[in-house]
C-alpha atoms as a PDB file:
ATOM      1  CA  GLN A   1       0.000   0.000   0.000  1.00  0.00           C
ATOM      2  CA  VAL A   2       1.291   3.452  -0.913  1.00  0.00           C
ATOM      3  CA  GLN A   3       0.726   6.366   1.415  1.00  0.00           C
ATOM      4  CA  LEU A   4       1.141   9.946   0.234  1.00  0.00           C
ATOM      5  CA  VAL A   5       1.675  12.883   2.577  1.00  0.00           C
ATOM      6  CA  GLU A   6       1.585  16.490   1.391  1.00  0.00           C
ATOM      7  CA  SER A   7       3.298  19.396   3.096  1.00  0.00           C
ATOM      8  CA  GLY A   8       4.290  22.980   2.370  1.00  0.00           C
ATOM      9  CA  GLY A   9       0.929  24.680   2.156  1.00  0.00           C
ATOM     10  CA  GLY A  10       0.224  27.976   3.853  1.00  0.00           C
ATOM     11  CA  LEU A  11      -0.827  31.577   3.484  1.00  0.00           C
ATOM     12  CA  VAL A  12       0.947  33.763   0.948  1.00  0.00           C
ATOM     13  CA  ARG A  13       0.277  37.090  -0.685  1.00  0.00           C
ATOM     14  CA  ALA A  14      -0.519  37.381  -4.379  1.00  0.00           C
ATOM     15  CA  GLY A  15       2.664  37.262  -6.435  1.00  0.00           C
ATOM     16  CA  GLY A  16       4.409  35.119  -3.862  1.00  0.00           C
ATOM     17  CA  SER A  17       5.684  31.558  -4.018  1.00  0.00           C
ATOM     18  CA  LEU A  18       5.205  28.270  -2.226  1.00  0.00           C
ATOM     19  CA  ARG A  19       6.724  24.827  -2.667  1.00  0.00           C
ATOM     20  CA  LEU A  20       4.569  21.817  -1.979  1.00  0.00           C
ATOM     21  CA  SER A  21       6.019  18.395  -1.265  1.00  0.00           C
ATOM     22  CA  CYS A  22       4.441  14.966  -1.501  1.00  0.00           C
ATOM     23  CA  ALA A  23       6.292  12.198   0.288  1.00  0.00           C
ATOM     24  CA  ARG A  24       5.613   8.627  -0.767  1.00  0.00           C
ATOM     25  CA  SER A  25       5.804   5.943   1.885  1.00  0.00           C
ATOM     26  CA  ALA A  26       7.002   3.075  -0.292  1.00  0.00           C
ATOM     27  CA  ARG A  27      10.248   3.420  -2.220  1.00  0.00           C
ATOM     28  CA  THR A  28       9.373   0.373  -4.282  1.00  0.00           C
ATOM     29  CA  PHE A  29       6.578   2.289  -6.025  1.00  0.00           C
ATOM     30  CA  GLY A  30       8.916   4.726  -7.732  1.00  0.00           C
ATOM     31  CA  TRP A  31       7.551   3.592 -11.097  1.00  0.00           C
ATOM     32  CA  LEU A  32       4.197   5.277 -10.478  1.00  0.00           C
ATOM     33  CA  ALA A  33       3.270   8.472 -12.279  1.00  0.00           C
ATOM     34  CA  MET A  34       2.346  11.226  -9.844  1.00  0.00           C
ATOM     35  CA  GLY A  35       0.362  14.402  -9.974  1.00  0.00           C
ATOM     36  CA  TRP A  36      -1.238  17.331  -8.201  1.00  0.00           C
ATOM     37  CA  PHE A  37      -4.889  18.267  -8.026  1.00  0.00           C
ATOM     38  CA  ARG A  38      -6.680  21.051  -6.228  1.00  0.00           C
ATOM     39  CA  GLN A  39     -10.147  21.748  -4.933  1.00  0.00           C
ATOM     40  CA  ALA A  40     -11.434  25.200  -4.126  1.00  0.00           C
ATOM     41  CA  PRO A  41     -14.503  25.724  -1.911  1.00  0.00           C
ATOM     42  CA  GLU A  42     -17.710  24.717  -3.667  1.00  0.00           C
ATOM     43  CA  LYS A  43     -15.810  23.666  -6.774  1.00  0.00           C
ATOM     44  CA  GLU A  44     -14.903  20.300  -8.208  1.00  0.00           C
ATOM     45  CA  ARG A  45     -11.449  18.866  -7.825  1.00  0.00           C
ATOM     46  CA  GLU A  46      -9.302  19.731 -10.831  1.00  0.00           C
ATOM     47  CA  PHE A  47      -6.060  18.583 -12.374  1.00  0.00           C
ATOM     48  CA  VAL A  48      -3.029  20.832 -11.848  1.00  0.00           C
ATOM     49  CA  ALA A  49       0.072  18.980 -13.038  1.00  0.00           C
ATOM     50  CA  CYS A  50       1.581  15.525 -13.377  1.00  0.00           C
ATOM     51  CA  ILE A  51       4.911  13.855 -13.997  1.00  0.00           C
ATOM     52  CA  SER A  52       5.948  10.475 -15.350  1.00  0.00           C
ATOM     53  CA  TRP A  53       7.786   7.962 -13.187  1.00  0.00           C
ATOM     54  CA  ASN A  54      11.224   9.072 -14.389  1.00  0.00           C
ATOM     55  CA  GLY A  55      10.424  12.772 -14.662  1.00  0.00           C
ATOM     56  CA  GLY A  56      10.750  12.714 -18.417  1.00  0.00           C
ATOM     57  CA  ASP A  57       7.225  13.886 -19.145  1.00  0.00           C
ATOM     58  CA  THR A  58       5.287  16.649 -17.439  1.00  0.00           C
ATOM     59  CA  TYR A  59       1.844  18.087 -18.083  1.00  0.00           C
ATOM     60  CA  TYR A  60       0.134  21.175 -16.728  1.00  0.00           C
ATOM     61  CA  ALA A  61      -3.298  22.683 -16.633  1.00  0.00           C
ATOM     62  CA  ASP A  62      -3.485  25.813 -18.766  1.00  0.00           C
ATOM     63  CA  SER A  63      -4.255  27.890 -15.699  1.00  0.00           C
ATOM     64  CA  VAL A  64      -0.849  27.162 -14.133  1.00  0.00           C
ATOM     65  CA  LYS A  65       1.438  26.860 -17.161  1.00  0.00           C
ATOM     66  CA  GLY A  66       4.463  29.088 -16.846  1.00  0.00           C
ATOM     67  CA  ARG A  67       3.899  29.622 -13.125  1.00  0.00           C
ATOM     68  CA  PHE A  68       4.038  26.131 -11.591  1.00  0.00           C
ATOM     69  CA  THR A  69       6.751  23.516 -11.981  1.00  0.00           C
ATOM     70  CA  ILE A  70       6.382  19.868 -11.050  1.00  0.00           C
ATOM     71  CA  SER A  71       9.388  17.689 -10.270  1.00  0.00           C
ATOM     72  CA  ARG A  72      10.280  14.527  -8.408  1.00  0.00           C
ATOM     73  CA  ASP A  73      13.241  12.970  -6.643  1.00  0.00           C
ATOM     74  CA  ASN A  74      12.781   9.214  -6.642  1.00  0.00           C
ATOM     75  CA  ALA A  75      15.810   8.723  -4.401  1.00  0.00           C
ATOM     76  CA  LYS A  76      13.887  10.675  -1.756  1.00  0.00           C
ATOM     77  CA  SER A  77      10.489   9.248  -2.764  1.00  0.00           C
ATOM     78  CA  THR A  78       9.216  12.808  -2.998  1.00  0.00           C
ATOM     79  CA  MET A  79       7.397  14.919  -5.572  1.00  0.00           C
ATOM     80  CA  TYR A  80       7.341  18.709  -5.573  1.00  0.00           C
ATOM     81  CA  LEU A  81       5.218  21.522  -6.906  1.00  0.00           C
ATOM     82  CA  GLN A  82       6.956  24.877  -7.117  1.00  0.00           C
ATOM     83  CA  MET A  83       4.289  27.558  -7.341  1.00  0.00           C
ATOM     84  CA  ASN A  84       5.334  31.050  -8.389  1.00  0.00           C
ATOM     85  CA  SER A  85       3.364  34.197  -9.179  1.00  0.00           C
ATOM     86  CA  LEU A  86       0.498  32.928  -7.085  1.00  0.00           C
ATOM     87  CA  LYS A  87      -2.948  34.399  -7.586  1.00  0.00           C
ATOM     88  CA  PRO A  88      -5.977  34.487  -5.276  1.00  0.00           C
ATOM     89  CA  GLU A  89      -7.690  32.036  -7.621  1.00  0.00           C
ATOM     90  CA  ASP A  90      -4.992  29.475  -6.786  1.00  0.00           C
ATOM     91  CA  THR A  91      -6.486  29.233  -3.302  1.00  0.00           C
ATOM     92  CA  ALA A  92      -7.516  25.618  -2.726  1.00  0.00           C
ATOM     93  CA  VAL A  93      -6.706  22.393  -0.975  1.00  0.00           C
ATOM     94  CA  TYR A  94      -3.940  20.738  -2.967  1.00  0.00           C
ATOM     95  CA  TYR A  95      -3.802  16.960  -3.203  1.00  0.00           C
ATOM     96  CA  CYS A  96      -1.123  14.695  -4.552  1.00  0.00           C
ATOM     97  CA  ALA A  97      -2.040  11.440  -6.247  1.00  0.00           C
ATOM     98  CA  ALA A  98      -0.345   8.501  -7.920  1.00  0.00           C
ATOM     99  CA  GLY A  99      -1.360   6.261 -10.769  1.00  0.00           C
ATOM    100  CA  LEU A 100      -0.087   3.977 -13.459  1.00  0.00           C
ATOM    101  CA  THR A 101       0.399   6.605 -16.161  1.00  0.00           C
ATOM    102  CA  THR A 102       0.267  10.342 -16.731  1.00  0.00           C
ATOM    103  CA  THR A 103      -2.670   9.712 -19.065  1.00  0.00           C
ATOM    104  CA  GLN A 104      -4.600   8.219 -16.193  1.00  0.00           C
ATOM    105  CA  ILE A 105      -3.798  11.205 -14.006  1.00  0.00           C
ATOM    106  CA  VAL A 106      -4.771  13.769 -16.633  1.00  0.00           C
ATOM    107  CA  SER A 107      -7.887  12.027 -17.936  1.00  0.00           C
ATOM    108  CA  ASP A 108      -9.215   9.577 -15.360  1.00  0.00           C
ATOM    109  CA  MET A 109      -8.924  11.092 -11.913  1.00  0.00           C
ATOM    110  CA  GLN A 110     -11.682   8.911 -10.463  1.00  0.00           C
ATOM    111  CA  THR A 111      -9.640   5.744 -10.999  1.00  0.00           C
ATOM    112  CA  LEU A 112      -6.462   6.913  -9.254  1.00  0.00           C
ATOM    113  CA  PRO A 113      -5.750   4.485  -6.411  1.00  0.00           C
ATOM    114  CA  TYR A 114      -3.539   6.635  -4.198  1.00  0.00           C
ATOM    115  CA  TRP A 115      -4.265  10.072  -2.726  1.00  0.00           C
ATOM    116  CA  GLY A 116      -2.820  12.257  -0.028  1.00  0.00           C
ATOM    117  CA  GLN A 117      -4.859  14.009   2.626  1.00  0.00           C
ATOM    118  CA  GLY A 118      -4.388  17.484   1.146  1.00  0.00           C
ATOM    119  CA  THR A 119      -2.672  20.701   2.151  1.00  0.00           C
ATOM    120  CA  GLN A 120      -4.295  24.133   2.204  1.00  0.00           C
ATOM    121  CA  VAL A 121      -2.916  26.930   0.045  1.00  0.00           C
ATOM    122  CA  THR A 122      -4.375  30.380   0.596  1.00  0.00           C
ATOM    123  CA  VAL A 123      -3.378  33.342  -1.562  1.00  0.00           C
ATOM    124  CA  SER A 124      -4.436  36.761  -0.311  1.00  0.00           C
ATOM    125  CA  SER A 125      -4.951  39.700  -2.623  1.00  0.00           C
END
């Protein structure tokens, strides 16, 4: 069983930066693709970014392209989301997730087997 634990959320002013981390409990699952989602109050959960098992492929939602960068360090069993130029509309609970492929993460969120508990990001104007 894979457990995912997010950290790094907090309160930041618009234009600021935060770096989220997602630690994976099992080193042996380094072959999983991983991604970030977010859910704002009264909105549906949405895809943010994902990365292939070896970091060779990355995908982003249009709303975060050019501002967010996803990366991973399999030696540390950790994935990151560097968020720059934050906007109030980025305010949400951010979740990390893992799946078999980046295609699954981008297109089939409901079937992802592993999720973290979420970390709150609040961007003030």
